[in-house]
Amino acid sequence: MDTDLHQIIQSNQSLLEEHSQYFLYQILRGLKYIHSANVIHRDLKPSNLLLNASCDLKICDFGLARPAVENEFMTEYVVNRWKPLFAGNDHVHQMHLLIELLGTPTDDDLDFTRNEDARKYIRQLSRHPRQPLAKVFPRVNPLAIDLIDKMLTINPMKRITVEEALEHPYLERLHDTADEPVCLKPFSFDFEQQILSEEQIKDMIYQEALTLNPEI
């Protein structure tokens, strides 16, 4: 791959809506496969989205990935890494900015977290109504706004799923169920329990590279 999305965003290269649409579709297509393997990436960000000159996109860096079945909370290290839309000074400030845009969550919306201190903290914040994204981003395609609005939902039970997002009208011209594969069996993280030497790890990486690129 030639570059990553972070470098593209930081460059002077202009991006058409078609570029953003195609990138979003590929991200969702990749996440559909990843989630079907019972894996949560946990570090999805522009620098972990590789691109080539043909605008093909690949999701990389699964160093923080975990099984979806694990009953654990996101670490502060992970959740602090998102910042473009809510560029706060710290994670508390980011939470304020998020709530100012998305509105104060109801008690039902907070049921997904078992951290009572977090629930109490959010309840004592100033109350804000949800801001219409169409007013915040007036020049953005209304269909894109609708999809983003469904994604930016605090309650994960009310948030649009990857499958639903792929079927959204904004991605209609790209969506093809026959070309959006799923993993046939859950991914196993058992390899993390193995004690391997540096040479063994190198050999495993090489064998994996041969599988993907038999011509080398």
N, C-alpha and C. Protein backbone atom coordinates (compact mmCIF):
# COMPACT_ATOMS: atom_id res chain seq x y z
N MET A 1 0.85 -1.19 0.00
CA MET A 1 0.00 0.00 0.00
C MET A 1 0.89 1.24 0.00
N ASP A 2 0.43 2.30 -0.65
CA ASP A 2 1.27 3.47 -0.88
C ASP A 2 1.26 4.48 0.26
N THR A 3 0.17 4.60 0.96
CA THR A 3 0.04 5.64 1.98
C THR A 3 -1.09 5.26 2.94
N ASP A 4 -1.46 6.19 3.81
CA ASP A 4 -2.60 5.95 4.69
C ASP A 4 -3.51 7.17 4.67
N LEU A 5 -4.69 7.02 5.21
CA LEU A 5 -5.68 8.09 5.13
C LEU A 5 -5.25 9.33 5.91
N HIS A 6 -4.49 9.14 6.97
CA HIS A 6 -4.00 10.29 7.74
C HIS A 6 -3.11 11.18 6.87
N GLN A 7 -2.20 10.56 6.14
CA GLN A 7 -1.31 11.33 5.27
C GLN A 7 -2.09 12.04 4.17
N ILE A 8 -3.11 11.37 3.64
CA ILE A 8 -3.93 11.99 2.60
C ILE A 8 -4.67 13.21 3.15
N ILE A 9 -5.24 13.07 4.34
CA ILE A 9 -5.99 14.17 4.96
C ILE A 9 -5.07 15.36 5.23
N GLN A 10 -3.83 15.07 5.67
CA GLN A 10 -2.90 16.14 6.01
C GLN A 10 -2.24 16.77 4.78
N SER A 11 -2.35 16.13 3.64
CA SER A 11 -1.72 16.64 2.42
C SER A 11 -2.61 17.70 1.77
N ASN A 12 -2.10 18.26 0.68
CA ASN A 12 -2.86 19.26 -0.07
C ASN A 12 -3.75 18.61 -1.14
N GLN A 13 -3.75 17.29 -1.17
CA GLN A 13 -4.54 16.58 -2.16
C GLN A 13 -6.03 16.76 -1.88
N SER A 14 -6.75 17.19 -2.89
CA SER A 14 -8.19 17.39 -2.72
C SER A 14 -8.92 16.05 -2.83
N LEU A 15 -9.97 15.92 -2.05
CA LEU A 15 -10.78 14.71 -2.06
C LEU A 15 -12.20 15.05 -2.49
N LEU A 16 -12.70 14.33 -3.47
CA LEU A 16 -14.08 14.49 -3.89
C LEU A 16 -14.99 13.70 -2.96
N GLU A 17 -16.27 14.00 -3.01
CA GLU A 17 -17.21 13.23 -2.20
C GLU A 17 -17.16 11.75 -2.58
N GLU A 18 -16.92 11.47 -3.86
CA GLU A 18 -16.84 10.08 -4.31
C GLU A 18 -15.70 9.34 -3.61
N HIS A 19 -14.59 10.05 -3.35
CA HIS A 19 -13.48 9.44 -2.62
C HIS A 19 -13.94 9.06 -1.21
N SER A 20 -14.52 10.03 -0.51
CA SER A 20 -14.96 9.79 0.87
C SER A 20 -15.99 8.67 0.92
N GLN A 21 -16.88 8.66 -0.04
CA GLN A 21 -17.92 7.64 -0.10
C GLN A 21 -17.31 6.25 -0.29
N TYR A 22 -16.33 6.17 -1.20
CA TYR A 22 -15.69 4.89 -1.48
C TYR A 22 -14.86 4.42 -0.28
N PHE A 23 -14.17 5.35 0.37
CA PHE A 23 -13.40 4.99 1.56
C PHE A 23 -14.33 4.48 2.66
N LEU A 24 -15.43 5.18 2.89
CA LEU A 24 -16.38 4.77 3.92
C LEU A 24 -16.94 3.39 3.63
N TYR A 25 -17.29 3.16 2.36
CA TYR A 25 -17.84 1.85 2.00
C TYR A 25 -16.83 0.74 2.30
N GLN A 26 -15.57 0.96 1.95
CA GLN A 26 -14.56 -0.07 2.17
C GLN A 26 -14.30 -0.30 3.66
N ILE A 27 -14.33 0.78 4.44
CA ILE A 27 -14.17 0.63 5.89
C ILE A 27 -15.29 -0.24 6.46
N LEU A 28 -16.52 0.07 6.08
CA LEU A 28 -17.67 -0.69 6.58
C LEU A 28 -17.63 -2.13 6.09
N ARG A 29 -17.22 -2.32 4.85
CA ARG A 29 -17.11 -3.68 4.29
C ARG A 29 -16.09 -4.48 5.09
N GLY A 30 -14.95 -3.84 5.41
CA GLY A 30 -13.93 -4.50 6.21
C GLY A 30 -14.41 -4.80 7.62
N LEU A 31 -15.12 -3.84 8.21
CA LEU A 31 -15.63 -4.05 9.57
C LEU A 31 -16.66 -5.16 9.62
N LYS A 32 -17.45 -5.29 8.57
CA LYS A 32 -18.43 -6.38 8.52
C LYS A 32 -17.71 -7.72 8.65
N TYR A 33 -16.61 -7.88 7.93
CA TYR A 33 -15.84 -9.13 8.00
C TYR A 33 -15.20 -9.29 9.38
N ILE A 34 -14.59 -8.21 9.88
CA ILE A 34 -13.91 -8.27 11.18
C ILE A 34 -14.90 -8.63 12.29
N HIS A 35 -16.04 -7.97 12.30
CA HIS A 35 -17.04 -8.23 13.34
C HIS A 35 -17.62 -9.64 13.21
N SER A 36 -17.74 -10.14 11.99
CA SER A 36 -18.27 -11.49 11.81
C SER A 36 -17.31 -12.54 12.36
N ALA A 37 -16.04 -12.15 12.54
CA ALA A 37 -15.05 -13.04 13.14
C ALA A 37 -15.00 -12.88 14.66
N ASN A 38 -15.97 -12.12 15.21
CA ASN A 38 -16.04 -11.85 16.66
C ASN A 38 -14.83 -11.06 17.15
N VAL A 39 -14.39 -10.11 16.33
CA VAL A 39 -13.23 -9.28 16.67
C VAL A 39 -13.65 -7.81 16.68
N ILE A 40 -13.18 -7.08 17.69
CA ILE A 40 -13.35 -5.63 17.75
C ILE A 40 -11.98 -5.01 17.55
N HIS A 41 -11.84 -4.12 16.56
CA HIS A 41 -10.53 -3.53 16.24
C HIS A 41 -10.03 -2.63 17.36
N ARG A 42 -10.84 -1.71 17.84
CA ARG A 42 -10.59 -0.82 18.97
C ARG A 42 -9.59 0.31 18.69
N ASP A 43 -9.04 0.39 17.50
CA ASP A 43 -8.10 1.49 17.23
C ASP A 43 -8.25 1.95 15.78
N LEU A 44 -9.50 2.08 15.36
CA LEU A 44 -9.76 2.49 13.98
C LEU A 44 -9.55 3.99 13.86
N LYS A 45 -8.58 4.39 13.08
CA LYS A 45 -8.23 5.80 12.89
C LYS A 45 -7.58 5.95 11.52
N PRO A 46 -7.47 7.16 11.00
CA PRO A 46 -6.96 7.36 9.64
C PRO A 46 -5.59 6.72 9.38
N SER A 47 -4.68 6.77 10.35
CA SER A 47 -3.34 6.21 10.11
C SER A 47 -3.35 4.69 10.05
N ASN A 48 -4.45 4.06 10.46
CA ASN A 48 -4.57 2.60 10.36
C ASN A 48 -5.42 2.17 9.17
N LEU A 49 -5.65 3.11 8.26
CA LEU A 49 -6.39 2.81 7.03
C LEU A 49 -5.45 3.04 5.86
N LEU A 50 -4.93 1.95 5.32
CA LEU A 50 -3.94 2.02 4.25
C LEU A 50 -4.62 2.20 2.90
N LEU A 51 -3.96 2.95 2.00
CA LEU A 51 -4.51 3.24 0.68
C LEU A 51 -3.44 3.09 -0.38
N ASN A 52 -3.89 2.72 -1.59
CA ASN A 52 -2.98 2.73 -2.73
C ASN A 52 -3.49 3.71 -3.77
N ALA A 53 -2.78 3.78 -4.90
CA ALA A 53 -3.11 4.77 -5.93
C ALA A 53 -4.48 4.52 -6.55
N SER A 54 -4.99 3.30 -6.42
CA SER A 54 -6.31 2.97 -6.97
C SER A 54 -7.43 3.22 -5.96
N CYS A 55 -7.07 3.81 -4.82
CA CYS A 55 -8.03 4.10 -3.74
C CYS A 55 -8.54 2.84 -3.05
N ASP A 56 -7.82 1.72 -3.22
CA ASP A 56 -8.16 0.53 -2.46
C ASP A 56 -7.74 0.75 -1.01
N LEU A 57 -8.58 0.35 -0.08
CA LEU A 57 -8.34 0.61 1.35
C LEU A 57 -8.24 -0.70 2.11
N LYS A 58 -7.29 -0.74 3.04
CA LYS A 58 -7.14 -1.90 3.91
C LYS A 58 -7.02 -1.42 5.36
N ILE A 59 -7.67 -2.15 6.25
CA ILE A 59 -7.59 -1.86 7.68
C ILE A 59 -6.40 -2.59 8.26
N CYS A 60 -5.55 -1.87 9.01
CA CYS A 60 -4.35 -2.51 9.56
C CYS A 60 -4.24 -2.26 11.06
N ASP A 61 -3.18 -2.80 11.65
CA ASP A 61 -2.82 -2.64 13.07
C ASP A 61 -3.90 -3.16 14.01
N PHE A 62 -3.84 -4.47 14.24
CA PHE A 62 -4.79 -5.12 15.14
C PHE A 62 -4.18 -5.34 16.52
N GLY A 63 -3.19 -4.51 16.87
CA GLY A 63 -2.50 -4.67 18.15
C GLY A 63 -3.40 -4.50 19.36
N LEU A 64 -4.47 -3.74 19.24
CA LEU A 64 -5.40 -3.52 20.35
C LEU A 64 -6.70 -4.31 20.18
N ALA A 65 -6.77 -5.12 19.15
CA ALA A 65 -8.00 -5.88 18.87
C ALA A 65 -8.26 -6.91 19.96
N ARG A 66 -9.53 -7.16 20.21
CA ARG A 66 -9.94 -8.13 21.23
C ARG A 66 -11.18 -8.89 20.75
N PRO A 67 -11.41 -10.08 21.30
CA PRO A 67 -12.64 -10.81 20.93
C PRO A 67 -13.87 -10.02 21.33
N ALA A 68 -14.86 -10.02 20.48
CA ALA A 68 -16.09 -9.28 20.76
C ALA A 68 -16.85 -9.89 21.93
N VAL A 69 -16.59 -11.14 22.24
CA VAL A 69 -17.33 -11.81 23.31
C VAL A 69 -16.78 -11.49 24.68
N GLU A 70 -15.63 -10.85 24.74
CA GLU A 70 -15.05 -10.52 26.04
C GLU A 70 -15.92 -9.49 26.75
N ASN A 71 -16.12 -9.68 28.04
CA ASN A 71 -16.95 -8.77 28.83
C ASN A 71 -16.04 -7.77 29.54
N GLU A 72 -15.52 -6.81 28.77
CA GLU A 72 -14.60 -5.85 29.35
C GLU A 72 -14.89 -4.47 28.80
N PHE A 73 -14.35 -3.44 29.46
CA PHE A 73 -14.55 -2.07 29.04
C PHE A 73 -13.37 -1.60 28.22
N MET A 74 -13.60 -0.60 27.38
CA MET A 74 -12.53 0.02 26.64
C MET A 74 -11.58 0.71 27.63
N THR A 75 -10.29 0.58 27.40
CA THR A 75 -9.35 1.30 28.24
C THR A 75 -9.33 2.76 27.84
N GLU A 76 -8.90 3.61 28.76
CA GLU A 76 -8.82 5.04 28.47
C GLU A 76 -7.87 5.28 27.31
N TYR A 77 -6.81 4.45 27.23
CA TYR A 77 -5.84 4.60 26.14
C TYR A 77 -6.52 4.49 24.78
N VAL A 78 -7.44 3.55 24.67
CA VAL A 78 -8.11 3.35 23.39
C VAL A 78 -9.08 4.48 23.09
N VAL A 79 -9.98 4.77 24.02
CA VAL A 79 -11.03 5.73 23.71
C VAL A 79 -10.50 7.15 23.60
N ASN A 80 -9.32 7.43 24.10
CA ASN A 80 -8.76 8.77 23.98
C ASN A 80 -8.20 9.04 22.59
N ARG A 81 -8.17 8.07 21.73
CA ARG A 81 -7.48 8.24 20.47
C ARG A 81 -8.36 8.88 19.40
N TRP A 82 -9.69 8.96 19.62
CA TRP A 82 -10.53 9.66 18.65
C TRP A 82 -10.57 11.13 19.01
N LYS A 83 -10.42 12.02 18.02
CA LYS A 83 -10.43 13.44 18.35
C LYS A 83 -10.80 14.40 17.23
N PRO A 84 -10.84 14.00 15.93
CA PRO A 84 -11.06 15.00 14.89
C PRO A 84 -12.34 15.81 15.05
N LEU A 85 -13.47 15.15 15.33
CA LEU A 85 -14.74 15.86 15.43
C LEU A 85 -14.91 16.49 16.80
N PHE A 86 -14.40 15.84 17.84
CA PHE A 86 -14.53 16.33 19.20
C PHE A 86 -13.13 16.62 19.75
N ALA A 87 -12.48 17.65 19.21
CA ALA A 87 -11.07 17.93 19.54
C ALA A 87 -10.94 18.64 20.88
N GLY A 88 -11.22 17.95 21.95
CA GLY A 88 -11.14 18.54 23.28
C GLY A 88 -9.72 18.52 23.82
N ASN A 89 -9.53 19.21 24.96
CA ASN A 89 -8.22 19.27 25.59
C ASN A 89 -7.87 17.97 26.29
N ASP A 90 -8.87 17.24 26.75
CA ASP A 90 -8.67 15.95 27.39
C ASP A 90 -9.97 15.16 27.25
N HIS A 91 -10.01 13.94 27.81
CA HIS A 91 -11.19 13.09 27.59
C HIS A 91 -12.44 13.65 28.26
N VAL A 92 -12.28 14.42 29.34
CA VAL A 92 -13.45 15.03 29.98
C VAL A 92 -14.02 16.13 29.09
N HIS A 93 -13.12 16.97 28.55
CA HIS A 93 -13.56 18.04 27.65
C HIS A 93 -14.20 17.44 26.40
N GLN A 94 -13.63 16.35 25.90
CA GLN A 94 -14.19 15.69 24.73
C GLN A 94 -15.60 15.20 25.01
N MET A 95 -15.83 14.69 26.22
CA MET A 95 -17.16 14.23 26.58
C MET A 95 -18.16 15.38 26.58
N HIS A 96 -17.71 16.54 27.07
CA HIS A 96 -18.58 17.72 27.05
C HIS A 96 -18.94 18.10 25.61
N LEU A 97 -17.95 18.12 24.73
CA LEU A 97 -18.19 18.48 23.33
C LEU A 97 -19.12 17.48 22.66
N LEU A 98 -18.92 16.21 22.98
CA LEU A 98 -19.75 15.16 22.40
C LEU A 98 -21.21 15.34 22.81
N ILE A 99 -21.43 15.59 24.09
CA ILE A 99 -22.80 15.74 24.59
C ILE A 99 -23.44 17.01 24.06
N GLU A 100 -22.65 18.08 23.89
CA GLU A 100 -23.19 19.33 23.35
C GLU A 100 -23.72 19.12 21.93
N LEU A 101 -23.09 18.22 21.18
CA LEU A 101 -23.53 17.95 19.81
C LEU A 101 -24.61 16.88 19.76
N LEU A 102 -24.39 15.78 20.46
CA LEU A 102 -25.29 14.63 20.37
C LEU A 102 -26.44 14.68 21.37
N GLY A 103 -26.38 15.63 22.29
CA GLY A 103 -27.44 15.74 23.28
C GLY A 103 -27.16 14.92 24.53
N THR A 104 -27.77 15.31 25.62
CA THR A 104 -27.59 14.59 26.88
C THR A 104 -28.29 13.24 26.82
N PRO A 105 -27.56 12.16 27.08
CA PRO A 105 -28.20 10.83 27.02
C PRO A 105 -29.20 10.64 28.15
N THR A 106 -30.25 9.90 27.87
CA THR A 106 -31.24 9.56 28.89
C THR A 106 -30.70 8.46 29.79
N ASP A 107 -31.39 8.20 30.88
CA ASP A 107 -30.98 7.11 31.77
C ASP A 107 -30.97 5.78 31.03
N ASP A 108 -31.94 5.58 30.15
CA ASP A 108 -31.97 4.34 29.37
C ASP A 108 -30.75 4.24 28.46
N ASP A 109 -30.31 5.39 27.92
CA ASP A 109 -29.15 5.38 27.04
C ASP A 109 -27.86 5.06 27.78
N LEU A 110 -27.86 5.25 29.10
CA LEU A 110 -26.66 5.00 29.89
C LEU A 110 -26.62 3.59 30.47
N ASP A 111 -27.64 2.80 30.18
CA ASP A 111 -27.69 1.44 30.73
C ASP A 111 -26.54 0.57 30.23
N PHE A 112 -25.95 0.94 29.08
CA PHE A 112 -24.91 0.08 28.49
C PHE A 112 -23.63 0.09 29.33
N THR A 113 -23.42 1.12 30.16
CA THR A 113 -22.22 1.16 30.99
C THR A 113 -22.56 0.80 32.43
N ARG A 114 -21.72 -0.05 33.01
CA ARG A 114 -21.95 -0.47 34.40
C ARG A 114 -21.16 0.40 35.38
N ASN A 115 -20.48 1.41 34.85
CA ASN A 115 -19.70 2.31 35.70
C ASN A 115 -20.62 3.38 36.29
N GLU A 116 -21.00 3.19 37.54
CA GLU A 116 -21.95 4.11 38.17
C GLU A 116 -21.38 5.52 38.29
N ASP A 117 -20.07 5.63 38.51
CA ASP A 117 -19.45 6.96 38.59
C ASP A 117 -19.59 7.71 37.28
N ALA A 118 -19.44 6.98 36.17
CA ALA A 118 -19.58 7.61 34.85
C ALA A 118 -21.02 8.08 34.64
N ARG A 119 -21.97 7.24 35.05
CA ARG A 119 -23.38 7.62 34.90
C ARG A 119 -23.71 8.85 35.74
N LYS A 120 -23.21 8.87 36.97
CA LYS A 120 -23.47 10.02 37.85
C LYS A 120 -22.86 11.29 37.27
N TYR A 121 -21.65 11.15 36.73
CA TYR A 121 -20.97 12.33 36.18
C TYR A 121 -21.76 12.92 35.02
N ILE A 122 -22.22 12.06 34.11
CA ILE A 122 -22.96 12.54 32.94
C ILE A 122 -24.29 13.15 33.36
N ARG A 123 -24.93 12.56 34.37
CA ARG A 123 -26.22 13.08 34.82
C ARG A 123 -26.12 14.49 35.41
N GLN A 124 -24.95 14.83 35.98
CA GLN A 124 -24.83 16.14 36.62
C GLN A 124 -24.36 17.23 35.65
N LEU A 125 -24.08 16.84 34.40
CA LEU A 125 -23.67 17.84 33.41
C LEU A 125 -24.87 18.67 32.96
N SER A 126 -24.58 19.86 32.44
CA SER A 126 -25.65 20.70 31.88
C SER A 126 -26.34 19.94 30.76
N ARG A 127 -27.65 20.07 30.69
CA ARG A 127 -28.41 19.31 29.70
C ARG A 127 -28.39 20.04 28.36
N HIS A 128 -28.24 19.25 27.30
CA HIS A 128 -28.18 19.81 25.95
C HIS A 128 -29.08 19.00 25.02
N PRO A 129 -29.81 19.67 24.14
CA PRO A 129 -30.58 18.94 23.12
C PRO A 129 -29.62 18.49 22.01
N ARG A 130 -30.00 17.47 21.28
CA ARG A 130 -29.19 17.02 20.15
C ARG A 130 -29.22 18.08 19.05
N GLN A 131 -28.05 18.40 18.51
CA GLN A 131 -27.95 19.41 17.47
C GLN A 131 -28.18 18.76 16.10
N PRO A 132 -28.99 19.37 15.25
CA PRO A 132 -29.18 18.83 13.89
C PRO A 132 -27.86 18.89 13.11
N LEU A 133 -27.36 17.75 12.69
CA LEU A 133 -26.08 17.73 11.99
C LEU A 133 -26.14 18.49 10.67
N ALA A 134 -27.33 18.57 10.08
CA ALA A 134 -27.48 19.30 8.82
C ALA A 134 -27.17 20.79 9.01
N LYS A 135 -27.40 21.30 10.21
CA LYS A 135 -27.07 22.70 10.49
C LYS A 135 -25.59 22.86 10.83
N VAL A 136 -25.02 21.85 11.46
CA VAL A 136 -23.60 21.90 11.80
C VAL A 136 -22.74 21.76 10.55
N PHE A 137 -23.20 20.91 9.61
CA PHE A 137 -22.47 20.68 8.36
C PHE A 137 -23.42 20.93 7.19
N PRO A 138 -23.76 22.19 6.91
CA PRO A 138 -24.80 22.50 5.92
C PRO A 138 -24.45 22.14 4.49
N ARG A 139 -23.17 21.98 4.17
CA ARG A 139 -22.78 21.71 2.79
C ARG A 139 -22.58 20.22 2.49
N VAL A 140 -22.83 19.39 3.48
CA VAL A 140 -22.63 17.95 3.31
C VAL A 140 -23.90 17.31 2.74
N ASN A 141 -23.71 16.33 1.87
CA ASN A 141 -24.81 15.57 1.27
C ASN A 141 -25.80 15.12 2.35
N PRO A 142 -27.08 15.43 2.19
CA PRO A 142 -28.09 15.04 3.20
C PRO A 142 -28.10 13.54 3.50
N LEU A 143 -27.84 12.71 2.49
CA LEU A 143 -27.81 11.27 2.74
C LEU A 143 -26.62 10.90 3.63
N ALA A 144 -25.49 11.57 3.41
CA ALA A 144 -24.32 11.34 4.27
C ALA A 144 -24.62 11.79 5.69
N ILE A 145 -25.28 12.93 5.83
CA ILE A 145 -25.66 13.43 7.15
C ILE A 145 -26.55 12.42 7.87
N ASP A 146 -27.50 11.85 7.15
CA ASP A 146 -28.41 10.88 7.75
C ASP A 146 -27.66 9.65 8.24
N LEU A 147 -26.69 9.17 7.45
CA LEU A 147 -25.91 8.01 7.85
C LEU A 147 -25.04 8.33 9.06
N ILE A 148 -24.36 9.48 9.02
CA ILE A 148 -23.52 9.88 10.15
C ILE A 148 -24.35 10.04 11.42
N ASP A 149 -25.54 10.61 11.26
CA ASP A 149 -26.43 10.82 12.40
C ASP A 149 -26.78 9.49 13.06
N LYS A 150 -26.98 8.46 12.25
CA LYS A 150 -27.31 7.14 12.78
C LYS A 150 -26.10 6.47 13.42
N MET A 151 -24.90 6.85 12.97
CA MET A 151 -23.67 6.29 13.55
C MET A 151 -23.33 6.97 14.88
N LEU A 152 -23.52 8.29 14.93
CA LEU A 152 -23.17 9.04 16.13
C LEU A 152 -24.30 8.99 17.15
N THR A 153 -24.53 7.81 17.66
CA THR A 153 -25.57 7.57 18.66
C THR A 153 -24.91 6.98 19.90
N ILE A 154 -25.06 7.63 21.04
CA ILE A 154 -24.36 7.22 22.25
C ILE A 154 -24.75 5.81 22.68
N ASN A 155 -26.04 5.50 22.62
CA ASN A 155 -26.52 4.18 23.03
C ASN A 155 -26.20 3.16 21.93
N PRO A 156 -25.30 2.21 22.19
CA PRO A 156 -24.92 1.25 21.15
C PRO A 156 -26.08 0.38 20.68
N MET A 157 -27.12 0.21 21.52
CA MET A 157 -28.26 -0.59 21.12
C MET A 157 -29.13 0.13 20.11
N LYS A 158 -29.02 1.46 20.05
CA LYS A 158 -29.79 2.25 19.09
C LYS A 158 -28.94 2.65 17.88
N ARG A 159 -27.66 2.38 17.92
CA ARG A 159 -26.74 2.77 16.86
C ARG A 159 -26.90 1.85 15.65
N ILE A 160 -26.74 2.40 14.48
CA ILE A 160 -26.84 1.61 13.25
C ILE A 160 -25.74 0.55 13.23
N THR A 161 -26.06 -0.64 12.75
CA THR A 161 -25.07 -1.71 12.64
C THR A 161 -24.29 -1.55 11.33
N VAL A 162 -23.19 -2.27 11.22
CA VAL A 162 -22.40 -2.23 9.99
C VAL A 162 -23.24 -2.70 8.80
N GLU A 163 -23.99 -3.78 9.00
CA GLU A 163 -24.82 -4.29 7.91
C GLU A 163 -25.86 -3.27 7.47
N GLU A 164 -26.47 -2.61 8.43
CA GLU A 164 -27.47 -1.58 8.11
C GLU A 164 -26.82 -0.39 7.42
N ALA A 165 -25.62 -0.03 7.85
CA ALA A 165 -24.91 1.09 7.24
C ALA A 165 -24.58 0.79 5.78
N LEU A 166 -24.18 -0.44 5.49
CA LEU A 166 -23.88 -0.82 4.11
C LEU A 166 -25.11 -0.74 3.22
N GLU A 167 -26.27 -0.94 3.81
CA GLU A 167 -27.53 -0.91 3.06
C GLU A 167 -28.13 0.49 2.99
N HIS A 168 -27.47 1.46 3.59
CA HIS A 168 -27.99 2.83 3.61
C HIS A 168 -28.00 3.43 2.20
N PRO A 169 -28.99 4.25 1.86
CA PRO A 169 -29.08 4.85 0.52
C PRO A 169 -27.82 5.61 0.09
N TYR A 170 -27.06 6.15 1.04
CA TYR A 170 -25.85 6.90 0.67
C TYR A 170 -24.84 6.00 -0.02
N LEU A 171 -24.86 4.71 0.28
CA LEU A 171 -23.89 3.77 -0.29
C LEU A 171 -24.53 2.85 -1.32
N GLU A 172 -25.70 3.22 -1.80
CA GLU A 172 -26.48 2.35 -2.69
C GLU A 172 -25.70 1.95 -3.94
N ARG A 173 -24.97 2.87 -4.55
CA ARG A 173 -24.28 2.56 -5.81
C ARG A 173 -23.08 1.63 -5.60
N LEU A 174 -22.62 1.49 -4.37
CA LEU A 174 -21.46 0.65 -4.07
C LEU A 174 -21.85 -0.67 -3.41
N HIS A 175 -22.96 -0.67 -2.72
CA HIS A 175 -23.38 -1.84 -1.93
C HIS A 175 -23.66 -3.04 -2.82
N ASP A 176 -23.04 -4.17 -2.47
CA ASP A 176 -23.24 -5.43 -3.19
C ASP A 176 -23.09 -6.57 -2.19
N THR A 177 -24.19 -7.10 -1.73
CA THR A 177 -24.17 -8.15 -0.72
C THR A 177 -23.29 -9.33 -1.13
N ALA A 178 -23.28 -9.65 -2.41
CA ALA A 178 -22.51 -10.79 -2.90
C ALA A 178 -21.01 -10.55 -2.80
N ASP A 179 -20.60 -9.27 -2.67
CA ASP A 179 -19.18 -8.94 -2.60
C ASP A 179 -18.82 -8.34 -1.24
N GLU A 180 -19.55 -8.74 -0.21
CA GLU A 180 -19.28 -8.27 1.15
C GLU A 180 -19.19 -9.49 2.06
N PRO A 181 -18.07 -10.21 1.99
CA PRO A 181 -17.94 -11.50 2.67
C PRO A 181 -17.92 -11.39 4.19
N VAL A 182 -18.19 -12.52 4.81
CA VAL A 182 -18.08 -12.64 6.27
C VAL A 182 -17.13 -13.78 6.58
N CYS A 183 -16.61 -13.78 7.80
CA CYS A 183 -15.69 -14.83 8.23
C CYS A 183 -16.49 -16.09 8.56
N LEU A 184 -15.99 -17.23 8.13
CA LEU A 184 -16.72 -18.48 8.30
C LEU A 184 -16.65 -19.03 9.72
N LYS A 185 -15.65 -18.60 10.50
CA LYS A 185 -15.56 -19.06 11.88
C LYS A 185 -14.91 -17.97 12.73
N PRO A 186 -15.24 -17.94 14.03
CA PRO A 186 -14.67 -16.90 14.90
C PRO A 186 -13.15 -16.98 14.94
N PHE A 187 -12.52 -15.82 14.99
CA PHE A 187 -11.06 -15.78 15.09
C PHE A 187 -10.62 -16.17 16.49
N SER A 188 -9.54 -16.91 16.59
CA SER A 188 -9.02 -17.34 17.89
C SER A 188 -7.79 -16.52 18.26
N PHE A 189 -7.77 -16.02 19.48
CA PHE A 189 -6.62 -15.28 20.00
C PHE A 189 -5.71 -16.18 20.83
N ASP A 190 -5.87 -17.48 20.71
CA ASP A 190 -5.08 -18.41 21.52
C ASP A 190 -3.58 -18.27 21.27
N PHE A 191 -3.21 -17.80 20.09
CA PHE A 191 -1.79 -17.67 19.76
C PHE A 191 -1.08 -16.70 20.71
N GLU A 192 -1.84 -15.79 21.32
CA GLU A 192 -1.24 -14.83 22.24
C GLU A 192 -0.71 -15.50 23.51
N GLN A 193 -1.20 -16.71 23.78
CA GLN A 193 -0.77 -17.43 24.98
C GLN A 193 0.51 -18.23 24.74
N GLN A 194 0.92 -18.34 23.48
CA GLN A 194 2.11 -19.12 23.15
C GLN A 194 3.38 -18.35 23.50
N ILE A 195 4.39 -19.09 23.94
CA ILE A 195 5.71 -18.50 24.19
C ILE A 195 6.57 -18.81 22.97
N LEU A 196 6.85 -17.80 22.18
CA LEU A 196 7.58 -17.98 20.93
C LEU A 196 8.87 -17.19 20.93
N SER A 197 9.87 -17.74 20.27
CA SER A 197 11.13 -17.02 20.11
C SER A 197 11.00 -16.00 18.99
N GLU A 198 11.95 -15.10 18.91
CA GLU A 198 11.94 -14.09 17.85
C GLU A 198 11.99 -14.75 16.48
N GLU A 199 12.79 -15.80 16.35
CA GLU A 199 12.91 -16.49 15.06
C GLU A 199 11.61 -17.18 14.68
N GLN A 200 10.92 -17.75 15.64
CA GLN A 200 9.63 -18.39 15.36
C GLN A 200 8.60 -17.37 14.89
N ILE A 201 8.60 -16.21 15.52
CA ILE A 201 7.67 -15.15 15.12
C ILE A 201 7.98 -14.69 13.71
N LYS A 202 9.26 -14.52 13.41
CA LYS A 202 9.67 -14.11 12.05
C LYS A 202 9.20 -15.14 11.02
N ASP A 203 9.36 -16.42 11.36
CA ASP A 203 8.95 -17.47 10.43
C ASP A 203 7.44 -17.48 10.23
N MET A 204 6.68 -17.24 11.30
CA MET A 204 5.22 -17.18 11.18
C MET A 204 4.79 -16.03 10.27
N ILE A 205 5.45 -14.89 10.43
CA ILE A 205 5.13 -13.74 9.58
C ILE A 205 5.47 -14.05 8.13
N TYR A 206 6.61 -14.71 7.92
CA TYR A 206 7.02 -15.05 6.55
C TYR A 206 6.03 -16.04 5.92
N GLN A 207 5.62 -17.05 6.68
CA GLN A 207 4.68 -18.03 6.16
C GLN A 207 3.33 -17.39 5.82
N GLU A 208 2.91 -16.42 6.64
CA GLU A 208 1.67 -15.71 6.37
C GLU A 208 1.81 -14.88 5.10
N ALA A 209 2.99 -14.26 4.92
CA ALA A 209 3.23 -13.47 3.71
C ALA A 209 3.20 -14.36 2.47
N LEU A 210 3.73 -15.58 2.60
CA LEU A 210 3.70 -16.52 1.47
C LEU A 210 2.27 -16.91 1.12
N THR A 211 1.44 -17.07 2.14
CA THR A 211 0.05 -17.43 1.90
C THR A 211 -0.67 -16.36 1.10
N LEU A 212 -0.39 -15.10 1.43
CA LEU A 212 -1.05 -13.98 0.76
C LEU A 212 -0.38 -13.61 -0.55
N ASN A 213 0.91 -13.90 -0.65
CA ASN A 213 1.68 -13.54 -1.86
C ASN A 213 2.54 -14.73 -2.28
N PRO A 214 1.94 -15.77 -2.84
CA PRO A 214 2.69 -16.98 -3.19
C PRO A 214 3.80 -16.77 -4.20
N GLU A 215 3.77 -15.62 -4.90
CA GLU A 215 4.79 -15.38 -5.93
C GLU A 215 6.13 -14.97 -5.34
N ILE A 216 6.17 -14.57 -4.05
CA ILE A 216 7.45 -14.11 -3.49
C ILE A 216 8.32 -15.28 -3.07
